[in-house]
Amino acid sequence: MIWWSSHDIDRGLLDFPEREYHLGLFTVDHRPKPAAPALADHLRAGATPTPRPATDLPCPIDLRTEPHRRAEVAPGSRFHAEWVRLRENGPVRISHSTGS
């Protein structure tokens, strides 16, 4: 299991290992990389699995307005550990907490 994103990581976030900046299916400016249409073709060709309902995991911060708090949800944080625990049993939907 990995903590992964659909998009490449913006170089403005300076504390990632070099290899992690280009793992996405889409560029930072939302352009599909070659793997994106290839994955879509592969999925269209196969049987569609029945989706499992996602478990909701409230995120304690909004990274768009509080980017300085990213460490609170980064790998190694309590939030990340909870995401990993929940993800072992199926999909997880991250939502924004309303109380912070």
PDB file of N, CA and C in Angstrom:
ATOM      1  N   MET A   1       0.838  -1.167   0.000  1.00  0.00           N
ATOM      2  CA  MET A   1       0.000   0.000   0.000  1.00  0.00           C
ATOM      3  C   MET A   1       0.891   1.240   0.000  1.00  0.00           C
ATOM      4  N   ILE A   2       0.470   2.244  -0.771  1.00  0.00           N
ATOM      5  CA  ILE A   2       1.250   3.481  -0.829  1.00  0.00           C
ATOM      6  C   ILE A   2       0.335   4.676  -0.661  1.00  0.00           C
ATOM      7  N   TRP A   3       0.899   5.770  -0.277  1.00  0.00           N
ATOM      8  CA  TRP A   3       0.212   7.053  -0.203  1.00  0.00           C
ATOM      9  C   TRP A   3       0.575   7.719  -1.526  1.00  0.00           C
ATOM     10  N   TRP A   4      -0.405   7.866  -2.439  1.00  0.00           N
ATOM     11  CA  TRP A   4      -0.098   8.268  -3.799  1.00  0.00           C
ATOM     12  C   TRP A   4      -1.111   9.277  -4.279  1.00  0.00           C
ATOM     13  N   SER A   5      -0.742  10.060  -5.249  1.00  0.00           N
ATOM     14  CA  SER A   5      -1.607  11.104  -5.757  1.00  0.00           C
ATOM     15  C   SER A   5      -1.795  10.946  -7.254  1.00  0.00           C
ATOM     16  N   SER A   6      -2.915  11.436  -7.772  1.00  0.00           N
ATOM     17  CA  SER A   6      -3.186  11.366  -9.199  1.00  0.00           C
ATOM     18  C   SER A   6      -2.302  12.316  -9.992  1.00  0.00           C
ATOM     19  N   HIS A   7      -1.836  13.394  -9.367  1.00  0.00           N
ATOM     20  CA  HIS A   7      -1.058  14.414 -10.054  1.00  0.00           C
ATOM     21  C   HIS A   7       0.386  14.446  -9.553  1.00  0.00           C
ATOM     22  N   ASP A   8       1.271  14.891 -10.432  1.00  0.00           N
ATOM     23  CA  ASP A   8       2.643  15.148 -10.011  1.00  0.00           C
ATOM     24  C   ASP A   8       2.615  16.182  -8.884  1.00  0.00           C
ATOM     25  N   ILE A   9       3.659  16.199  -8.091  1.00  0.00           N
ATOM     26  CA  ILE A   9       3.755  17.138  -6.976  1.00  0.00           C
ATOM     27  C   ILE A   9       4.427  18.420  -7.462  1.00  0.00           C
ATOM     28  N   ASP A  10       3.856  19.536  -7.110  1.00  0.00           N
ATOM     29  CA  ASP A  10       4.400  20.830  -7.491  1.00  0.00           C
ATOM     30  C   ASP A  10       5.776  21.011  -6.860  1.00  0.00           C
ATOM     31  N   ARG A  11       6.715  21.511  -7.629  1.00  0.00           N
ATOM     32  CA  ARG A  11       8.083  21.736  -7.129  1.00  0.00           C
ATOM     33  C   ARG A  11       8.135  22.796  -6.043  1.00  0.00           C
ATOM     34  N   GLY A  12       7.065  23.558  -5.867  1.00  0.00           N
ATOM     35  CA  GLY A  12       7.015  24.541  -4.785  1.00  0.00           C
ATOM     36  C   GLY A  12       7.003  23.886  -3.418  1.00  0.00           C
ATOM     37  N   LEU A  13       6.623  22.611  -3.365  1.00  0.00           N
ATOM     38  CA  LEU A  13       6.682  21.851  -2.109  1.00  0.00           C
ATOM     39  C   LEU A  13       8.058  21.198  -2.065  1.00  0.00           C
ATOM     40  N   LEU A  14       8.947  21.786  -1.309  1.00  0.00           N
ATOM     41  CA  LEU A  14      10.367  21.463  -1.391  1.00  0.00           C
ATOM     42  C   LEU A  14      10.832  20.270  -0.577  1.00  0.00           C
ATOM     43  N   ASP A  15       9.988  19.692   0.261  1.00  0.00           N
ATOM     44  CA  ASP A  15      10.505  18.676   1.171  1.00  0.00           C
ATOM     45  C   ASP A  15      10.196  17.240   0.757  1.00  0.00           C
ATOM     46  N   PHE A  16       9.918  17.000  -0.534  1.00  0.00           N
ATOM     47  CA  PHE A  16       9.669  15.639  -1.001  1.00  0.00           C
ATOM     48  C   PHE A  16      10.946  15.033  -1.567  1.00  0.00           C
ATOM     49  N   PRO A  17      11.098  13.717  -1.464  1.00  0.00           N
ATOM     50  CA  PRO A  17      12.217  13.073  -2.157  1.00  0.00           C
ATOM     51  C   PRO A  17      12.067  13.290  -3.667  1.00  0.00           C
ATOM     52  N   GLU A  18      13.162  13.429  -4.362  1.00  0.00           N
ATOM     53  CA  GLU A  18      13.160  13.742  -5.797  1.00  0.00           C
ATOM     54  C   GLU A  18      12.250  12.809  -6.597  1.00  0.00           C
ATOM     55  N   ARG A  19      12.274  11.540  -6.322  1.00  0.00           N
ATOM     56  CA  ARG A  19      11.499  10.575  -7.112  1.00  0.00           C
ATOM     57  C   ARG A  19       9.989  10.776  -6.996  1.00  0.00           C
ATOM     58  N   GLU A  20       9.528  11.480  -5.983  1.00  0.00           N
ATOM     59  CA  GLU A  20       8.093  11.626  -5.765  1.00  0.00           C
ATOM     60  C   GLU A  20       7.454  12.761  -6.562  1.00  0.00           C
ATOM     61  N   TYR A  21       8.230  13.614  -7.193  1.00  0.00           N
ATOM     62  CA  TYR A  21       7.656  14.745  -7.910  1.00  0.00           C
ATOM     63  C   TYR A  21       6.970  14.336  -9.212  1.00  0.00           C
ATOM     64  N   HIS A  22       7.266  13.171  -9.735  1.00  0.00           N
ATOM     65  CA  HIS A  22       6.752  12.784 -11.055  1.00  0.00           C
ATOM     66  C   HIS A  22       5.987  11.471 -11.037  1.00  0.00           C
ATOM     67  N   LEU A  23       5.328  11.125  -9.937  1.00  0.00           N
ATOM     68  CA  LEU A  23       4.620   9.845  -9.835  1.00  0.00           C
ATOM     69  C   LEU A  23       3.179   9.891 -10.326  1.00  0.00           C
ATOM     70  N   GLY A  24       2.638  11.045 -10.589  1.00  0.00           N
ATOM     71  CA  GLY A  24       1.223  11.159 -10.936  1.00  0.00           C
ATOM     72  C   GLY A  24       0.889  10.692 -12.341  1.00  0.00           C
ATOM     73  N   LEU A  25      -0.402  10.482 -12.571  1.00  0.00           N
ATOM     74  CA  LEU A  25      -0.907  10.189 -13.909  1.00  0.00           C
ATOM     75  C   LEU A  25      -1.089  11.474 -14.711  1.00  0.00           C
ATOM     76  N   PHE A  26      -1.117  12.621 -14.002  1.00  0.00           N
ATOM     77  CA  PHE A  26      -1.298  13.922 -14.635  1.00  0.00           C
ATOM     78  C   PHE A  26      -0.195  14.859 -14.164  1.00  0.00           C
ATOM     79  N   THR A  27       0.145  15.830 -15.012  1.00  0.00           N
ATOM     80  CA  THR A  27       1.133  16.825 -14.627  1.00  0.00           C
ATOM     81  C   THR A  27       0.511  17.768 -13.606  1.00  0.00           C
ATOM     82  N   VAL A  28       1.321  18.624 -13.028  1.00  0.00           N
ATOM     83  CA  VAL A  28       0.834  19.597 -12.048  1.00  0.00           C
ATOM     84  C   VAL A  28      -0.240  20.493 -12.682  1.00  0.00           C
ATOM     85  N   ASP A  29      -0.118  20.778 -13.975  1.00  0.00           N
ATOM     86  CA  ASP A  29      -1.117  21.625 -14.656  1.00  0.00           C
ATOM     87  C   ASP A  29      -2.211  20.791 -15.339  1.00  0.00           C
ATOM     88  N   HIS A  30      -2.434  19.573 -14.837  1.00  0.00           N
ATOM     89  CA  HIS A  30      -3.579  18.719 -15.189  1.00  0.00           C
ATOM     90  C   HIS A  30      -3.519  18.076 -16.584  1.00  0.00           C
ATOM     91  N   ARG A  31      -2.358  18.069 -17.243  1.00  0.00           N
ATOM     92  CA  ARG A  31      -2.250  17.391 -18.542  1.00  0.00           C
ATOM     93  C   ARG A  31      -1.999  15.911 -18.309  1.00  0.00           C
ATOM     94  N   PRO A  32      -2.724  15.028 -19.021  1.00  0.00           N
ATOM     95  CA  PRO A  32      -2.498  13.598 -18.831  1.00  0.00           C
ATOM     96  C   PRO A  32      -1.120  13.182 -19.334  1.00  0.00           C
ATOM     97  N   LYS A  33      -0.463  12.350 -18.559  1.00  0.00           N
ATOM     98  CA  LYS A  33       0.801  11.766 -18.964  1.00  0.00           C
ATOM     99  C   LYS A  33       0.482  10.470 -19.725  1.00  0.00           C
ATOM    100  N   PRO A  34       1.410   9.886 -20.457  1.00  0.00           N
ATOM    101  CA  PRO A  34       1.103   8.697 -21.265  1.00  0.00           C
ATOM    102  C   PRO A  34       0.443   7.552 -20.502  1.00  0.00           C
ATOM    103  N   ALA A  35       0.745   7.408 -19.244  1.00  0.00           N
ATOM    104  CA  ALA A  35       0.153   6.307 -18.470  1.00  0.00           C
ATOM    105  C   ALA A  35      -1.335   6.506 -18.225  1.00  0.00           C
ATOM    106  N   ALA A  36      -1.816   7.749 -18.216  1.00  0.00           N
ATOM    107  CA  ALA A  36      -3.230   8.007 -17.914  1.00  0.00           C
ATOM    108  C   ALA A  36      -4.167   7.401 -18.957  1.00  0.00           C
ATOM    109  N   PRO A  37      -4.008   7.693 -20.270  1.00  0.00           N
ATOM    110  CA  PRO A  37      -4.898   7.065 -21.237  1.00  0.00           C
ATOM    111  C   PRO A  37      -4.672   5.553 -21.343  1.00  0.00           C
ATOM    112  N   ALA A  38      -3.441   5.102 -21.124  1.00  0.00           N
ATOM    113  CA  ALA A  38      -3.178   3.661 -21.156  1.00  0.00           C
ATOM    114  C   ALA A  38      -3.935   2.959 -20.039  1.00  0.00           C
ATOM    115  N   LEU A  39      -3.952   3.542 -18.860  1.00  0.00           N
ATOM    116  CA  LEU A  39      -4.695   2.968 -17.747  1.00  0.00           C
ATOM    117  C   LEU A  39      -6.194   2.992 -18.034  1.00  0.00           C
ATOM    118  N   ALA A  40      -6.687   4.098 -18.588  1.00  0.00           N
ATOM    119  CA  ALA A  40      -8.108   4.201 -18.932  1.00  0.00           C
ATOM    120  C   ALA A  40      -8.489   3.122 -19.941  1.00  0.00           C
ATOM    121  N   ASP A  41      -7.664   2.897 -20.971  1.00  0.00           N
ATOM    122  CA  ASP A  41      -7.934   1.852 -21.963  1.00  0.00           C
ATOM    123  C   ASP A  41      -7.971   0.478 -21.313  1.00  0.00           C
ATOM    124  N   HIS A  42      -7.033   0.238 -20.430  1.00  0.00           N
ATOM    125  CA  HIS A  42      -6.970  -1.053 -19.735  1.00  0.00           C
ATOM    126  C   HIS A  42      -8.226  -1.278 -18.898  1.00  0.00           C
ATOM    127  N   LEU A  43      -8.659  -0.259 -18.201  1.00  0.00           N
ATOM    128  CA  LEU A  43      -9.846  -0.392 -17.366  1.00  0.00           C
ATOM    129  C   LEU A  43     -11.106  -0.595 -18.205  1.00  0.00           C
ATOM    130  N   ARG A  44     -11.194   0.102 -19.339  1.00  0.00           N
ATOM    131  CA  ARG A  44     -12.353  -0.073 -20.219  1.00  0.00           C
ATOM    132  C   ARG A  44     -12.412  -1.484 -20.794  1.00  0.00           C
ATOM    133  N   ALA A  45     -11.271  -2.097 -21.003  1.00  0.00           N
ATOM    134  CA  ALA A  45     -11.210  -3.427 -21.614  1.00  0.00           C
ATOM    135  C   ALA A  45     -11.582  -4.541 -20.639  1.00  0.00           C
ATOM    136  N   GLY A  46     -11.480  -4.300 -19.356  1.00  0.00           N
ATOM    137  CA  GLY A  46     -11.724  -5.337 -18.362  1.00  0.00           C
ATOM    138  C   GLY A  46     -13.089  -5.228 -17.726  1.00  0.00           C
ATOM    139  N   ALA A  47     -13.376  -6.194 -16.893  1.00  0.00           N
ATOM    140  CA  ALA A  47     -14.628  -6.175 -16.140  1.00  0.00           C
ATOM    141  C   ALA A  47     -14.574  -5.069 -15.100  1.00  0.00           C
ATOM    142  N   THR A  48     -15.682  -4.428 -14.903  1.00  0.00           N
ATOM    143  CA  THR A  48     -15.755  -3.369 -13.905  1.00  0.00           C
ATOM    144  C   THR A  48     -16.126  -3.986 -12.561  1.00  0.00           C
ATOM    145  N   PRO A  49     -15.247  -3.856 -11.581  1.00  0.00           N
ATOM    146  CA  PRO A  49     -15.574  -4.413 -10.265  1.00  0.00           C
ATOM    147  C   PRO A  49     -16.684  -3.608  -9.594  1.00  0.00           C
ATOM    148  N   THR A  50     -17.406  -4.241  -8.735  1.00  0.00           N
ATOM    149  CA  THR A  50     -18.427  -3.549  -7.956  1.00  0.00           C
ATOM    150  C   THR A  50     -17.716  -2.669  -6.939  1.00  0.00           C
ATOM    151  N   PRO A  51     -17.959  -1.357  -6.991  1.00  0.00           N
ATOM    152  CA  PRO A  51     -17.256  -0.486  -6.047  1.00  0.00           C
ATOM    153  C   PRO A  51     -17.701  -0.735  -4.609  1.00  0.00           C
ATOM    154  N   ARG A  52     -16.724  -0.692  -3.723  1.00  0.00           N
ATOM    155  CA  ARG A  52     -17.034  -0.811  -2.298  1.00  0.00           C
ATOM    156  C   ARG A  52     -17.265   0.582  -1.753  1.00  0.00           C
ATOM    157  N   PRO A  53     -18.172   0.719  -0.797  1.00  0.00           N
ATOM    158  CA  PRO A  53     -18.389   2.054  -0.226  1.00  0.00           C
ATOM    159  C   PRO A  53     -17.140   2.539   0.499  1.00  0.00           C
ATOM    160  N   ALA A  54     -16.886   3.825   0.396  1.00  0.00           N
ATOM    161  CA  ALA A  54     -15.710   4.413   1.029  1.00  0.00           C
ATOM    162  C   ALA A  54     -15.996   4.769   2.481  1.00  0.00           C
ATOM    163  N   THR A  55     -14.971   4.618   3.300  1.00  0.00           N
ATOM    164  CA  THR A  55     -15.018   5.079   4.687  1.00  0.00           C
ATOM    165  C   THR A  55     -14.628   6.552   4.678  1.00  0.00           C
ATOM    166  N   ASP A  56     -15.341   7.381   5.401  1.00  0.00           N
ATOM    167  CA  ASP A  56     -15.057   8.809   5.464  1.00  0.00           C
ATOM    168  C   ASP A  56     -13.986   9.079   6.514  1.00  0.00           C
ATOM    169  N   LEU A  57     -12.974   9.843   6.144  1.00  0.00           N
ATOM    170  CA  LEU A  57     -11.912  10.248   7.071  1.00  0.00           C
ATOM    171  C   LEU A  57     -11.813  11.771   7.048  1.00  0.00           C
ATOM    172  N   PRO A  58     -12.278  12.437   8.108  1.00  0.00           N
ATOM    173  CA  PRO A  58     -12.199  13.901   8.133  1.00  0.00           C
ATOM    174  C   PRO A  58     -10.744  14.372   8.239  1.00  0.00           C
ATOM    175  N   CYS A  59     -10.394  15.322   7.393  1.00  0.00           N
ATOM    176  CA  CYS A  59      -9.052  15.921   7.422  1.00  0.00           C
ATOM    177  C   CYS A  59      -9.105  17.141   8.341  1.00  0.00           C
ATOM    178  N   PRO A  60      -8.205  17.240   9.301  1.00  0.00           N
ATOM    179  CA  PRO A  60      -8.271  18.332  10.280  1.00  0.00           C
ATOM    180  C   PRO A  60      -7.849  19.695   9.739  1.00  0.00           C
ATOM    181  N   ILE A  61      -7.306  19.729   8.521  1.00  0.00           N
ATOM    182  CA  ILE A  61      -6.840  21.010   7.967  1.00  0.00           C
ATOM    183  C   ILE A  61      -7.245  21.113   6.503  1.00  0.00           C
ATOM    184  N   ASP A  62      -7.179  22.322   5.969  1.00  0.00           N
ATOM    185  CA  ASP A  62      -7.406  22.569   4.544  1.00  0.00           C
ATOM    186  C   ASP A  62      -6.071  23.008   3.959  1.00  0.00           C
ATOM    187  N   LEU A  63      -5.453  22.126   3.192  1.00  0.00           N
ATOM    188  CA  LEU A  63      -4.121  22.418   2.665  1.00  0.00           C
ATOM    189  C   LEU A  63      -4.111  23.591   1.682  1.00  0.00           C
ATOM    190  N   ARG A  64      -5.257  23.902   1.107  1.00  0.00           N
ATOM    191  CA  ARG A  64      -5.304  25.052   0.193  1.00  0.00           C
ATOM    192  C   ARG A  64      -5.149  26.365   0.950  1.00  0.00           C
ATOM    193  N   THR A  65      -5.677  26.422   2.156  1.00  0.00           N
ATOM    194  CA  THR A  65      -5.600  27.669   2.930  1.00  0.00           C
ATOM    195  C   THR A  65      -4.573  27.608   4.057  1.00  0.00           C
ATOM    196  N   GLU A  66      -4.104  26.406   4.395  1.00  0.00           N
ATOM    197  CA  GLU A  66      -3.133  26.238   5.479  1.00  0.00           C
ATOM    198  C   GLU A  66      -1.970  25.333   5.046  1.00  0.00           C
ATOM    199  N   PRO A  67      -1.293  25.672   3.949  1.00  0.00           N
ATOM    200  CA  PRO A  67      -0.232  24.781   3.467  1.00  0.00           C
ATOM    201  C   PRO A  67       0.899  24.578   4.471  1.00  0.00           C
ATOM    202  N   HIS A  68       1.071  25.528   5.372  1.00  0.00           N
ATOM    203  CA  HIS A  68       2.126  25.426   6.385  1.00  0.00           C
ATOM    204  C   HIS A  68       1.858  24.282   7.377  1.00  0.00           C
ATOM    205  N   ARG A  69       0.645  23.724   7.373  1.00  0.00           N
ATOM    206  CA  ARG A  69       0.289  22.637   8.297  1.00  0.00           C
ATOM    207  C   ARG A  69       0.392  21.255   7.639  1.00  0.00           C
ATOM    208  N   ARG A  70       1.009  21.163   6.459  1.00  0.00           N
ATOM    209  CA  ARG A  70       1.057  19.918   5.712  1.00  0.00           C
ATOM    210  C   ARG A  70       1.652  18.761   6.513  1.00  0.00           C
ATOM    211  N   ALA A  71       2.591  19.029   7.381  1.00  0.00           N
ATOM    212  CA  ALA A  71       3.215  17.965   8.170  1.00  0.00           C
ATOM    213  C   ALA A  71       2.192  17.211   9.022  1.00  0.00           C
ATOM    214  N   GLU A  72       1.083  17.857   9.358  1.00  0.00           N
ATOM    215  CA  GLU A  72       0.051  17.224  10.182  1.00  0.00           C
ATOM    216  C   GLU A  72      -0.685  16.094   9.456  1.00  0.00           C
ATOM    217  N   VAL A  73      -0.580  16.048   8.129  1.00  0.00           N
ATOM    218  CA  VAL A  73      -1.250  14.988   7.366  1.00  0.00           C
ATOM    219  C   VAL A  73      -0.269  14.214   6.487  1.00  0.00           C
ATOM    220  N   ALA A  74       1.004  14.536   6.561  1.00  0.00           N
ATOM    221  CA  ALA A  74       2.031  13.899   5.739  1.00  0.00           C
ATOM    222  C   ALA A  74       2.318  12.480   6.230  1.00  0.00           C
ATOM    223  N   PRO A  75       2.955  11.665   5.369  1.00  0.00           N
ATOM    224  CA  PRO A  75       3.351  10.331   5.824  1.00  0.00           C
ATOM    225  C   PRO A  75       4.103  10.398   7.152  1.00  0.00           C
ATOM    226  N   GLY A  76       3.717   9.519   8.052  1.00  0.00           N
ATOM    227  CA  GLY A  76       4.299   9.495   9.391  1.00  0.00           C
ATOM    228  C   GLY A  76       3.426  10.195  10.427  1.00  0.00           C
ATOM    229  N   SER A  77       2.458  10.990   9.972  1.00  0.00           N
ATOM    230  CA  SER A  77       1.569  11.692  10.910  1.00  0.00           C
ATOM    231  C   SER A  77       0.477  10.748  11.408  1.00  0.00           C
ATOM    232  N   ARG A  78      -0.232  11.174  12.453  1.00  0.00           N
ATOM    233  CA  ARG A  78      -1.369  10.386  12.955  1.00  0.00           C
ATOM    234  C   ARG A  78      -2.455  10.257  11.891  1.00  0.00           C
ATOM    235  N   PHE A  79      -2.686  11.337  11.147  1.00  0.00           N
ATOM    236  CA  PHE A  79      -3.692  11.303  10.079  1.00  0.00           C
ATOM    237  C   PHE A  79      -3.331  10.242   9.043  1.00  0.00           C
ATOM    238  N   HIS A  80      -2.087  10.231   8.624  1.00  0.00           N
ATOM    239  CA  HIS A  80      -1.635   9.252   7.629  1.00  0.00           C
ATOM    240  C   HIS A  80      -1.762   7.825   8.168  1.00  0.00           C
ATOM    241  N   ALA A  81      -1.375   7.615   9.407  1.00  0.00           N
ATOM    242  CA  ALA A  81      -1.485   6.277  10.007  1.00  0.00           C
ATOM    243  C   ALA A  81      -2.946   5.808  10.015  1.00  0.00           C
ATOM    244  N   GLU A  82      -3.861   6.716  10.306  1.00  0.00           N
ATOM    245  CA  GLU A  82      -5.285   6.368  10.294  1.00  0.00           C
ATOM    246  C   GLU A  82      -5.757   6.060   8.878  1.00  0.00           C
ATOM    247  N   TRP A  83      -5.285   6.827   7.895  1.00  0.00           N
ATOM    248  CA  TRP A  83      -5.627   6.561   6.494  1.00  0.00           C
ATOM    249  C   TRP A  83      -5.146   5.163   6.093  1.00  0.00           C
ATOM    250  N   VAL A  84      -3.920   4.840   6.447  1.00  0.00           N
ATOM    251  CA  VAL A  84      -3.372   3.517   6.117  1.00  0.00           C
ATOM    252  C   VAL A  84      -4.210   2.423   6.776  1.00  0.00           C
ATOM    253  N   ARG A  85      -4.545   2.598   8.048  1.00  0.00           N
ATOM    254  CA  ARG A  85      -5.340   1.594   8.765  1.00  0.00           C
ATOM    255  C   ARG A  85      -6.690   1.391   8.083  1.00  0.00           C
ATOM    256  N   LEU A  86      -7.368   2.477   7.761  1.00  0.00           N
ATOM    257  CA  LEU A  86      -8.674   2.376   7.117  1.00  0.00           C
ATOM    258  C   LEU A  86      -8.564   1.810   5.702  1.00  0.00           C
ATOM    259  N   ARG A  87      -7.526   2.198   4.978  1.00  0.00           N
ATOM    260  CA  ARG A  87      -7.365   1.778   3.580  1.00  0.00           C
ATOM    261  C   ARG A  87      -7.139   0.277   3.462  1.00  0.00           C
ATOM    262  N   GLU A  88      -6.613  -0.339   4.499  1.00  0.00           N
ATOM    263  CA  GLU A  88      -6.420  -1.792   4.467  1.00  0.00           C
ATOM    264  C   GLU A  88      -7.735  -2.536   4.302  1.00  0.00           C
ATOM    265  N   ASN A  89      -8.853  -1.881   4.640  1.00  0.00           N
ATOM    266  CA  ASN A  89     -10.164  -2.520   4.558  1.00  0.00           C
ATOM    267  C   ASN A  89     -11.020  -2.014   3.411  1.00  0.00           C
ATOM    268  N   GLY A  90     -10.489  -1.133   2.581  1.00  0.00           N
ATOM    269  CA  GLY A  90     -11.261  -0.644   1.446  1.00  0.00           C
ATOM    270  C   GLY A  90     -10.998   0.820   1.163  1.00  0.00           C
ATOM    271  N   PRO A  91     -11.804   1.401   0.263  1.00  0.00           N
ATOM    272  CA  PRO A  91     -11.610   2.804  -0.131  1.00  0.00           C
ATOM    273  C   PRO A  91     -11.818   3.764   1.038  1.00  0.00           C
ATOM    274  N   VAL A  92     -11.107   4.878   0.968  1.00  0.00           N
ATOM    275  CA  VAL A  92     -11.224   5.929   1.988  1.00  0.00           C
ATOM    276  C   VAL A  92     -11.485   7.246   1.273  1.00  0.00           C
ATOM    277  N   ARG A  93     -12.488   7.977   1.733  1.00  0.00           N
ATOM    278  CA  ARG A  93     -12.797   9.309   1.196  1.00  0.00           C
ATOM    279  C   ARG A  93     -12.379  10.327   2.246  1.00  0.00           C
ATOM    280  N   ILE A  94     -11.455  11.201   1.867  1.00  0.00           N
ATOM    281  CA  ILE A  94     -10.991  12.236   2.788  1.00  0.00           C
ATOM    282  C   ILE A  94     -11.915  13.439   2.641  1.00  0.00           C
ATOM    283  N   SER A  95     -12.463  13.890   3.754  1.00  0.00           N
ATOM    284  CA  SER A  95     -13.346  15.049   3.750  1.00  0.00           C
ATOM    285  C   SER A  95     -12.747  16.129   4.642  1.00  0.00           C
ATOM    286  N   HIS A  96     -13.263  17.324   4.511  1.00  0.00           N
ATOM    287  CA  HIS A  96     -12.774  18.424   5.341  1.00  0.00           C
ATOM    288  C   HIS A  96     -13.596  18.506   6.612  1.00  0.00           C
ATOM    289  N   SER A  97     -12.900  18.627   7.730  1.00  0.00           N
ATOM    290  CA  SER A  97     -13.582  18.851   9.013  1.00  0.00           C
ATOM    291  C   SER A  97     -14.228  20.210   8.972  1.00  0.00           C
ATOM    292  N   THR A  98     -15.355  20.333   9.631  1.00  0.00           N
ATOM    293  CA  THR A  98     -16.023  21.631   9.668  1.00  0.00           C
ATOM    294  C   THR A  98     -15.662  22.429  10.903  1.00  0.00           C
ATOM    295  N   GLY A  99     -15.038  21.776  11.883  1.00  0.00           N
ATOM    296  CA  GLY A  99     -14.769  22.460  13.138  1.00  0.00           C
ATOM    297  C   GLY A  99     -13.453  23.182  13.205  1.00  0.00           C
ATOM    298  N   SER A 100     -12.573  23.123  12.186  1.00  0.00           N
ATOM    299  CA  SER A 100     -11.281  23.795  12.307  1.00  0.00           C
ATOM    300  C   SER A 100     -11.162  24.968  11.399  1.00  0.00           C
TER     301      SER A 100
END
